[in-house]
Amino acid sequence: MPSPYRALFAATGTKGFSAAGFLGRMPLSMMGIGVVTMISQLTGRYGLAGALSATIALAAAVVGPQVSRMVDQYGQRRVLRPATLISLVAGGLLLFAAHYGWPDWVLFVACVGIGCVPSVGAMVRARWAALYRGTPQLHTAYSFESVIDEVCFIFGPIISIGLSTAWFPEAGPLLAGCFLAIGVFWLTAQRATEPAPHPREQRGGSSALRAPGLQVLVATFVATGAIFGAVDVVTVAFADEQGHKGAASVVLALYAAGSCAAGLVFGLLRFKGAPEPRWLLGICAMAVSMIPLLLVGNLPLLAVALFVAGMAVAPTMITTMSLIEEHVPRAQLTEGMTWVSTGLAVGVALGSAAAGWVIDAAGAEAGYGVPAVSGAVAVAVGFLGYRRLSRPAPGRGGTVEQHSERQERHVA
């Protein structure tokens, strides 16, 4: 029996845009940590390094949905190339300003410009949706993309930190910029698989965020992002307290590896019925998986606990993408996917800050209370907004059987 993943690439153009998307999203995991490494090496100011990294993340959270909204309206090629050029010019300014010791405000202005970087993952998923919409292959495609995300987060930071420490401080962010340029310009050169744009008169002037179901997904993923941000910070601090700070990267890689493995298996499965119950189950599993972190007392146990916890991540993310397909009008799909990524980025920033405060006040082990609380908040938001998720956007919502199932729930 042929693999569903192999069959996925039988369509013309899929290998090309998938490879371009992989390169184009590597900076997502490389740029922030690369800037921290570069600035800390050049100036020794970790506070400035962290503030600049946070500025990039927040700028991307603000600008990203607007870029994607323009993509839905005008098409990927017309929007992504100018947006990427702005980000690349700002990245070059940051490297020069850091190297030559220019004033701090120049660094922050450059980081705001870097935030124009497009959400390449959303662009690739939109191409898969245009190609396989309404078929089982779309579930496999979203699963594959989730695995690619995890691969980027496993290897991206290692490459960025390694180059900046072994070669020269600017090497990590410089390579991230090269990946972005090659990936985006290669992707946008592939016109045959580019989704058709939807002019404003066809799509209306409102934001995709007005969809009630998308509001629930974004709010839930703010709390979910806080889990990720807190786990990263607390794990580094915990490894430092254990006298093995360098092991933190290996432990966090296992967290991503657990998600990667689960995503591969999840993509092989076929599900019947509405995806909302699976989504809520995934949110609950992510929350419950944070509880063992409060009990671990050493790095080996932590590594095992995080690997298991990671297994709930990719299936939940994959199901979320399926829900966006249902709750956002087709003409605003790219924007809808980017809003969820934005919620995730905001949550990462909040979780990192909260975890740092708890660590300073009570130590690293107590810091694992932050992802545990964040998980509980995600579950609460998921349950409170669950009814909104049973009302897909007009003309959307999956199969006839799923529509019937939703109607029966409303009648009940």
Protein backbone atom coordinates (compact mmCIF):
# COMPACT_ATOMS: atom_id res chain seq x y z
CA MET A 1 0.00 0.00 0.00
CA PRO A 2 1.56 3.34 -1.01
CA SER A 3 2.26 5.85 1.72
CA PRO A 4 -0.24 8.74 1.94
CA TYR A 5 2.73 11.07 2.20
CA ARG A 6 4.18 9.79 -1.07
CA ALA A 7 0.81 10.11 -2.78
CA LEU A 8 0.61 13.68 -1.51
CA PHE A 9 3.42 14.71 -3.85
CA ALA A 10 1.98 13.06 -6.96
CA ALA A 11 0.42 16.37 -7.98
CA THR A 12 2.55 18.61 -10.16
CA GLY A 13 4.33 21.42 -8.31
CA THR A 14 3.89 20.10 -4.79
CA LYS A 15 7.54 19.17 -4.29
CA GLY A 16 8.68 22.58 -5.43
CA PHE A 17 6.47 24.74 -3.23
CA SER A 18 6.99 22.43 -0.26
CA ALA A 19 10.79 22.70 -0.54
CA ALA A 20 10.59 26.47 -0.97
CA GLY A 21 8.29 26.70 2.04
CA PHE A 22 10.73 24.71 4.17
CA LEU A 23 13.57 27.12 3.41
CA GLY A 24 11.33 30.17 3.79
CA ARG A 25 10.15 29.28 7.28
CA MET A 26 13.55 28.36 8.74
CA PRO A 27 14.04 32.00 9.87
CA LEU A 28 11.01 31.58 12.14
CA SER A 29 13.15 29.47 14.48
CA MET A 30 16.52 31.08 13.67
CA MET A 31 16.09 34.86 13.74
CA GLY A 32 15.00 35.47 17.33
CA ILE A 33 17.59 33.24 18.97
CA GLY A 34 20.16 34.42 16.42
CA VAL A 35 19.63 38.05 17.40
CA VAL A 36 19.93 37.15 21.09
CA THR A 37 23.20 35.31 20.43
CA MET A 38 24.60 38.08 18.21
CA ILE A 39 23.77 40.98 20.53
CA SER A 40 24.95 39.16 23.66
CA GLN A 41 28.27 38.38 21.99
CA LEU A 42 28.82 41.88 20.58
CA THR A 43 27.64 43.89 23.60
CA GLY A 44 27.27 41.51 26.54
CA ARG A 45 23.82 43.06 27.17
CA TYR A 46 21.35 40.21 27.55
CA GLY A 47 18.54 42.59 28.47
CA LEU A 48 18.92 44.43 25.16
CA ALA A 49 19.17 41.13 23.29
CA GLY A 50 15.92 39.86 24.79
CA ALA A 51 14.13 43.16 24.15
CA LEU A 52 15.15 43.13 20.48
CA SER A 53 14.01 39.53 20.05
CA ALA A 54 10.66 40.38 21.66
CA THR A 55 10.33 43.41 19.35
CA ILE A 56 10.69 41.19 16.28
CA ALA A 57 8.07 38.77 17.62
CA LEU A 58 5.56 41.48 18.52
CA ALA A 59 6.09 43.35 15.24
CA ALA A 60 5.46 40.13 13.32
CA ALA A 61 2.34 39.52 15.43
CA VAL A 62 0.97 42.96 14.48
CA VAL A 63 2.05 43.13 10.84
CA GLY A 64 1.75 39.44 9.88
CA PRO A 65 -2.07 39.25 9.65
CA GLN A 66 -2.16 42.47 7.62
CA VAL A 67 0.38 41.06 5.14
CA SER A 68 -1.66 37.86 4.84
CA ARG A 69 -4.86 39.84 4.38
CA MET A 70 -3.24 41.61 1.43
CA VAL A 71 -2.10 38.23 0.08
CA ASP A 72 -5.70 37.01 0.06
CA GLN A 73 -6.69 40.15 -1.82
CA TYR A 74 -3.83 40.58 -4.31
CA GLY A 75 -2.05 37.20 -4.45
CA GLN A 76 1.15 35.79 -2.97
CA ARG A 77 3.64 37.05 -5.56
CA ARG A 78 2.50 40.70 -5.54
CA VAL A 79 2.60 40.98 -1.74
CA LEU A 80 5.26 38.58 -0.47
CA ARG A 81 8.14 39.91 -2.55
CA PRO A 82 7.86 43.58 -1.39
CA ALA A 83 7.20 42.52 2.22
CA THR A 84 10.23 40.23 2.16
CA LEU A 85 12.43 42.98 0.71
CA ILE A 86 11.43 45.29 3.56
CA SER A 87 12.28 42.58 6.08
CA LEU A 88 15.62 41.84 4.40
CA VAL A 89 16.64 45.52 4.25
CA ALA A 90 15.71 45.90 7.93
CA GLY A 91 17.75 42.77 8.73
CA GLY A 92 20.77 44.21 6.95
CA LEU A 93 20.36 47.44 8.91
CA LEU A 94 20.30 45.46 12.15
CA LEU A 95 23.53 43.63 11.29
CA PHE A 96 25.36 46.85 10.40
CA ALA A 97 24.01 48.71 13.43
CA ALA A 98 25.03 45.91 15.79
CA HIS A 99 28.46 45.45 14.21
CA TYR A 100 29.37 49.14 14.24
CA GLY A 101 27.79 49.97 17.60
CA TRP A 102 25.09 52.34 16.38
CA PRO A 103 22.52 53.74 18.88
CA ASP A 104 20.03 51.31 20.40
CA TRP A 105 17.04 53.02 18.80
CA VAL A 106 18.37 52.06 15.37
CA LEU A 107 18.40 48.42 16.46
CA PHE A 108 14.78 48.62 17.57
CA VAL A 109 13.67 50.33 14.34
CA ALA A 110 15.39 47.58 12.37
CA CYS A 111 13.65 44.88 14.42
CA VAL A 112 10.27 46.46 13.73
CA GLY A 113 11.06 46.29 10.01
CA ILE A 114 12.08 42.64 10.30
CA GLY A 115 8.57 42.00 11.63
CA CYS A 116 7.25 42.47 8.06
CA VAL A 117 8.43 38.92 7.38
CA PRO A 118 5.52 36.95 5.86
CA SER A 119 4.06 33.81 7.42
CA VAL A 120 5.50 31.36 4.90
CA GLY A 121 3.88 28.39 6.63
CA ALA A 122 0.43 29.91 6.06
CA MET A 123 1.28 30.52 2.39
CA VAL A 124 2.25 26.89 1.85
CA ARG A 125 -0.82 25.58 3.69
CA ALA A 126 -3.00 27.82 1.51
CA ARG A 127 -1.49 26.15 -1.57
CA TRP A 128 -2.24 22.70 -0.17
CA ALA A 129 -5.81 23.82 0.60
CA ALA A 130 -6.32 25.12 -2.94
CA LEU A 131 -5.03 21.83 -4.32
CA TYR A 132 -6.73 19.27 -2.02
CA ARG A 133 -9.71 21.13 -0.52
CA GLY A 134 -12.50 18.73 0.42
CA THR A 135 -10.35 15.59 0.15
CA PRO A 136 -8.63 13.33 2.73
CA GLN A 137 -5.26 14.40 1.29
CA LEU A 138 -5.65 17.83 2.92
CA HIS A 139 -5.44 16.24 6.38
CA THR A 140 -2.24 14.48 5.31
CA ALA A 141 -0.87 17.75 3.90
CA TYR A 142 -1.52 19.65 7.13
CA SER A 143 0.11 16.82 9.07
CA PHE A 144 3.19 16.98 6.85
CA GLU A 145 3.43 20.76 7.32
CA SER A 146 3.19 20.37 11.10
CA VAL A 147 6.10 17.93 10.98
CA ILE A 148 8.11 20.39 8.87
CA ASP A 149 7.44 23.09 11.48
CA GLU A 150 8.86 20.85 14.20
CA VAL A 151 11.92 19.98 12.09
CA CYS A 152 12.60 23.70 11.70
CA PHE A 153 12.36 24.24 15.44
CA ILE A 154 14.64 21.28 16.15
CA PHE A 155 17.47 22.30 13.83
CA GLY A 156 16.98 26.05 13.30
CA PRO A 157 18.21 27.22 16.73
CA ILE A 158 21.11 24.74 16.68
CA ILE A 159 22.30 26.07 13.29
CA SER A 160 21.82 29.72 14.26
CA ILE A 161 23.57 29.50 17.63
CA GLY A 162 26.31 27.26 16.26
CA LEU A 163 27.21 29.60 13.40
CA SER A 164 27.13 32.74 15.56
CA THR A 165 29.38 31.21 18.20
CA ALA A 166 31.77 29.25 15.96
CA TRP A 167 32.10 31.63 12.98
CA PHE A 168 31.15 35.28 13.64
CA PRO A 169 28.31 36.84 15.71
CA GLU A 170 26.23 37.97 12.74
CA ALA A 171 26.36 34.59 10.98
CA GLY A 172 23.10 33.17 12.42
CA PRO A 173 20.80 36.09 11.49
CA LEU A 174 22.62 36.45 8.15
CA LEU A 175 21.89 32.84 7.18
CA ALA A 176 18.28 33.25 8.34
CA GLY A 177 17.93 36.19 5.93
CA CYS A 178 19.40 34.11 3.09
CA PHE A 179 16.93 31.30 3.78
CA LEU A 180 14.05 33.81 3.76
CA ALA A 181 15.11 35.39 0.47
CA ILE A 182 15.64 32.07 -1.33
CA GLY A 183 12.49 30.47 0.07
CA VAL A 184 10.07 33.35 -0.63
CA PHE A 185 11.36 34.23 -4.10
CA TRP A 186 11.44 30.54 -5.08
CA LEU A 187 7.92 30.04 -3.74
CA THR A 188 6.46 33.07 -5.49
CA ALA A 189 8.11 32.06 -8.76
CA GLN A 190 5.83 29.00 -8.82
CA ARG A 191 2.70 30.60 -10.26
CA ALA A 192 0.87 27.39 -11.22
CA THR A 193 0.10 26.41 -7.61
CA GLU A 194 -0.52 29.94 -6.29
CA PRO A 195 -4.07 30.32 -4.89
CA ALA A 196 -6.27 32.72 -6.83
CA PRO A 197 -6.57 36.15 -5.18
CA HIS A 198 -9.94 37.43 -3.98
CA PRO A 199 -10.41 41.16 -4.67
CA ARG A 200 -12.07 43.24 -1.98
CA GLU A 201 -15.41 43.38 -3.79
CA GLN A 202 -15.52 39.57 -3.67
CA ARG A 203 -14.38 39.13 -0.07
CA GLY A 204 -15.76 42.11 1.82
CA GLY A 205 -13.73 44.61 3.80
CA SER A 206 -13.91 43.00 7.23
CA SER A 207 -11.10 41.11 8.92
CA ALA A 208 -11.15 37.32 9.17
CA LEU A 209 -10.93 37.77 12.93
CA ARG A 210 -14.60 38.74 12.97
CA ALA A 211 -15.45 35.05 12.56
CA PRO A 212 -16.56 33.78 16.01
CA GLY A 213 -14.92 30.40 15.56
CA LEU A 214 -11.57 31.98 14.67
CA GLN A 215 -11.79 34.18 17.77
CA VAL A 216 -12.01 31.04 19.91
CA LEU A 217 -9.06 29.43 18.15
CA VAL A 218 -6.89 32.54 18.48
CA ALA A 219 -7.74 33.06 22.15
CA THR A 220 -7.02 29.41 22.92
CA PHE A 221 -3.70 29.59 21.11
CA VAL A 222 -2.60 32.61 23.11
CA ALA A 223 -2.76 30.32 26.15
CA THR A 224 -1.17 27.49 24.17
CA GLY A 225 1.67 29.76 23.10
CA ALA A 226 2.23 30.65 26.74
CA ILE A 227 2.84 26.93 27.35
CA PHE A 228 5.56 26.85 24.69
CA GLY A 229 7.22 30.09 25.79
CA ALA A 230 7.25 29.10 29.44
CA VAL A 231 8.54 25.57 28.80
CA ASP A 232 11.50 26.94 26.82
CA VAL A 233 12.56 29.45 29.47
CA VAL A 234 11.98 27.21 32.48
CA THR A 235 13.78 24.25 30.90
CA VAL A 236 16.90 26.35 30.32
CA ALA A 237 16.77 27.58 33.91
CA PHE A 238 16.12 24.08 35.27
CA ALA A 239 19.07 22.64 33.33
CA ASP A 240 21.25 25.49 34.64
CA GLU A 241 20.23 24.72 38.23
CA GLN A 242 21.12 21.08 37.60
CA GLY A 243 24.58 22.13 36.41
CA HIS A 244 24.01 21.08 32.77
CA LYS A 245 22.78 24.19 30.98
CA GLY A 246 23.98 22.89 27.62
CA ALA A 247 21.63 19.91 27.91
CA ALA A 248 18.62 22.20 27.68
CA SER A 249 18.81 22.25 23.88
CA VAL A 250 18.73 18.44 23.76
CA VAL A 251 15.79 18.25 26.15
CA LEU A 252 13.81 20.85 24.19
CA ALA A 253 14.66 19.04 20.95
CA LEU A 254 13.01 15.94 22.42
CA TYR A 255 9.89 18.02 23.08
CA ALA A 256 9.79 18.89 19.37
CA ALA A 257 10.68 15.31 18.41
CA GLY A 258 7.67 13.97 20.30
CA SER A 259 5.43 16.35 18.38
CA CYS A 260 7.12 15.42 15.10
CA ALA A 261 6.58 11.69 15.66
CA ALA A 262 2.94 12.15 16.65
CA GLY A 263 2.33 14.37 13.63
CA LEU A 264 3.66 11.72 11.24
CA VAL A 265 1.38 9.04 12.72
CA PHE A 266 -1.60 11.39 12.92
CA GLY A 267 -1.31 12.11 9.21
CA LEU A 268 -1.77 8.43 8.41
CA LEU A 269 -5.10 8.22 10.25
CA ARG A 270 -8.52 8.93 8.80
CA PHE A 271 -11.23 10.34 11.04
CA LYS A 272 -15.00 10.45 10.71
CA GLY A 273 -17.24 13.09 12.17
CA ALA A 274 -16.65 16.71 13.12
CA PRO A 275 -13.12 17.79 14.16
CA GLU A 276 -14.24 19.95 17.11
CA PRO A 277 -14.23 17.11 19.71
CA ARG A 278 -10.73 16.02 18.58
CA TRP A 279 -9.53 19.60 18.89
CA LEU A 280 -10.87 19.98 22.42
CA LEU A 281 -9.40 16.59 23.38
CA GLY A 282 -6.03 17.75 22.06
CA ILE A 283 -6.16 20.97 24.11
CA CYS A 284 -6.99 18.93 27.22
CA ALA A 285 -4.13 16.50 26.48
CA MET A 286 -1.67 19.39 26.16
CA ALA A 287 -2.82 20.78 29.51
CA VAL A 288 -2.66 17.43 31.32
CA SER A 289 0.81 16.73 29.90
CA MET A 290 2.15 19.77 31.78
CA ILE A 291 1.33 18.30 35.20
CA PRO A 292 4.21 15.75 35.28
CA LEU A 293 6.68 18.62 34.73
CA LEU A 294 5.83 19.82 38.24
CA LEU A 295 7.03 16.51 39.66
CA VAL A 296 10.29 15.81 37.80
CA GLY A 297 13.46 16.22 39.80
CA ASN A 298 16.19 15.61 37.23
CA LEU A 299 16.96 16.10 33.55
CA PRO A 300 16.43 12.49 32.34
CA LEU A 301 12.90 12.40 33.75
CA LEU A 302 12.25 15.87 32.35
CA ALA A 303 13.36 14.71 28.90
CA VAL A 304 10.93 11.77 29.01
CA ALA A 305 8.10 13.96 30.27
CA LEU A 306 8.63 16.56 27.55
CA PHE A 307 8.84 13.93 24.80
CA VAL A 308 5.46 12.57 25.92
CA ALA A 309 4.04 16.08 26.25
CA GLY A 310 5.16 16.89 22.72
CA MET A 311 3.00 14.09 21.34
CA ALA A 312 -0.11 16.18 22.00
CA VAL A 313 1.16 19.23 20.12
CA ALA A 314 1.18 18.33 16.41
CA PRO A 315 -2.22 16.57 16.35
CA THR A 316 -3.79 19.62 18.00
CA MET A 317 -2.13 22.00 15.55
CA ILE A 318 -3.22 19.87 12.58
CA THR A 319 -6.83 19.78 13.77
CA THR A 320 -6.72 23.54 14.31
CA MET A 321 -5.83 24.08 10.66
CA SER A 322 -8.81 21.95 9.66
CA LEU A 323 -11.06 24.10 11.84
CA ILE A 324 -9.74 27.29 10.26
CA GLU A 325 -10.81 25.82 6.93
CA GLU A 326 -14.35 25.62 8.32
CA HIS A 327 -14.63 28.87 10.24
CA VAL A 328 -12.98 31.37 7.89
CA PRO A 329 -14.40 32.33 4.48
CA ARG A 330 -12.34 30.85 1.68
CA ALA A 331 -11.33 34.32 0.49
CA GLN A 332 -9.65 34.99 3.86
CA LEU A 333 -8.00 31.62 4.52
CA THR A 334 -4.38 32.85 4.56
CA GLU A 335 -5.26 35.67 6.93
CA GLY A 336 -7.11 33.26 9.22
CA MET A 337 -4.12 30.91 9.45
CA THR A 338 -1.84 33.84 10.22
CA TRP A 339 -4.11 35.07 13.03
CA VAL A 340 -3.69 31.74 14.81
CA SER A 341 0.09 32.04 14.42
CA THR A 342 -0.16 35.57 15.80
CA GLY A 343 -2.05 34.35 18.85
CA LEU A 344 0.62 31.72 19.35
CA ALA A 345 3.42 34.33 19.10
CA VAL A 346 1.73 36.64 21.61
CA GLY A 347 1.31 33.71 23.98
CA VAL A 348 4.98 32.75 23.65
CA ALA A 349 5.99 36.29 24.65
CA LEU A 350 3.60 36.31 27.62
CA GLY A 351 4.63 32.84 28.77
CA SER A 352 8.33 33.66 28.54
CA ALA A 353 7.89 36.83 30.59
CA ALA A 354 5.72 35.15 33.24
CA ALA A 355 8.09 32.20 33.54
CA GLY A 356 11.09 34.50 33.97
CA TRP A 357 9.34 36.36 36.79
CA VAL A 358 8.41 33.13 38.60
CA ILE A 359 11.94 31.72 38.20
CA ASP A 360 13.48 34.86 39.69
CA ALA A 361 11.03 34.75 42.59
CA ALA A 362 10.81 31.03 43.39
CA GLY A 363 13.24 28.99 41.27
CA ALA A 364 13.08 26.88 38.13
CA GLU A 365 10.97 23.99 39.46
CA ALA A 366 8.25 26.44 40.49
CA GLY A 367 8.45 27.90 37.00
CA TYR A 368 6.76 24.82 35.56
CA GLY A 369 3.62 26.06 37.25
CA VAL A 370 3.34 28.66 34.46
CA PRO A 371 2.79 26.16 31.61
CA ALA A 372 0.47 24.17 33.88
CA VAL A 373 -1.68 27.24 34.55
CA SER A 374 -1.52 28.22 30.86
CA GLY A 375 -2.80 24.78 29.92
CA ALA A 376 -5.70 25.14 32.32
CA VAL A 377 -6.56 28.52 30.79
CA ALA A 378 -6.46 26.99 27.29
CA VAL A 379 -8.90 24.27 28.38
CA ALA A 380 -11.23 26.82 29.96
CA VAL A 381 -11.28 28.97 26.83
CA GLY A 382 -11.80 25.89 24.68
CA PHE A 383 -14.84 24.75 26.69
CA LEU A 384 -16.32 28.25 26.91
CA GLY A 385 -16.02 28.80 23.18
CA TYR A 386 -16.92 25.29 22.08
CA ARG A 387 -20.45 26.21 20.93
CA ARG A 388 -19.02 28.85 18.59
CA LEU A 389 -16.91 26.17 16.95
CA SER A 390 -20.07 24.28 15.99
CA ARG A 391 -21.11 27.11 13.66
CA PRO A 392 -18.89 27.08 10.55
CA ALA A 393 -18.68 29.98 8.13
CA PRO A 394 -21.44 30.11 5.48
CA GLY A 395 -20.78 27.56 2.77
CA ARG A 396 -18.06 25.86 4.77
CA GLY A 397 -17.94 23.14 7.40
CA GLY A 398 -16.83 19.89 5.82
CA THR A 399 -18.89 16.91 4.76
CA VAL A 400 -22.64 16.39 4.69
CA GLU A 401 -22.30 13.94 7.58
CA GLN A 402 -20.52 16.59 9.67
CA HIS A 403 -23.26 19.15 8.93
CA SER A 404 -25.90 16.63 10.02
CA GLU A 405 -23.98 15.86 13.20
CA ARG A 406 -23.78 19.57 14.06
CA GLN A 407 -27.50 20.05 13.43
CA GLU A 408 -28.31 17.15 15.75
CA ARG A 409 -26.14 18.73 18.48
CA HIS A 410 -28.00 22.06 18.08
CA VAL A 411 -31.39 20.37 18.29
CA ALA A 412 -30.27 18.51 21.41
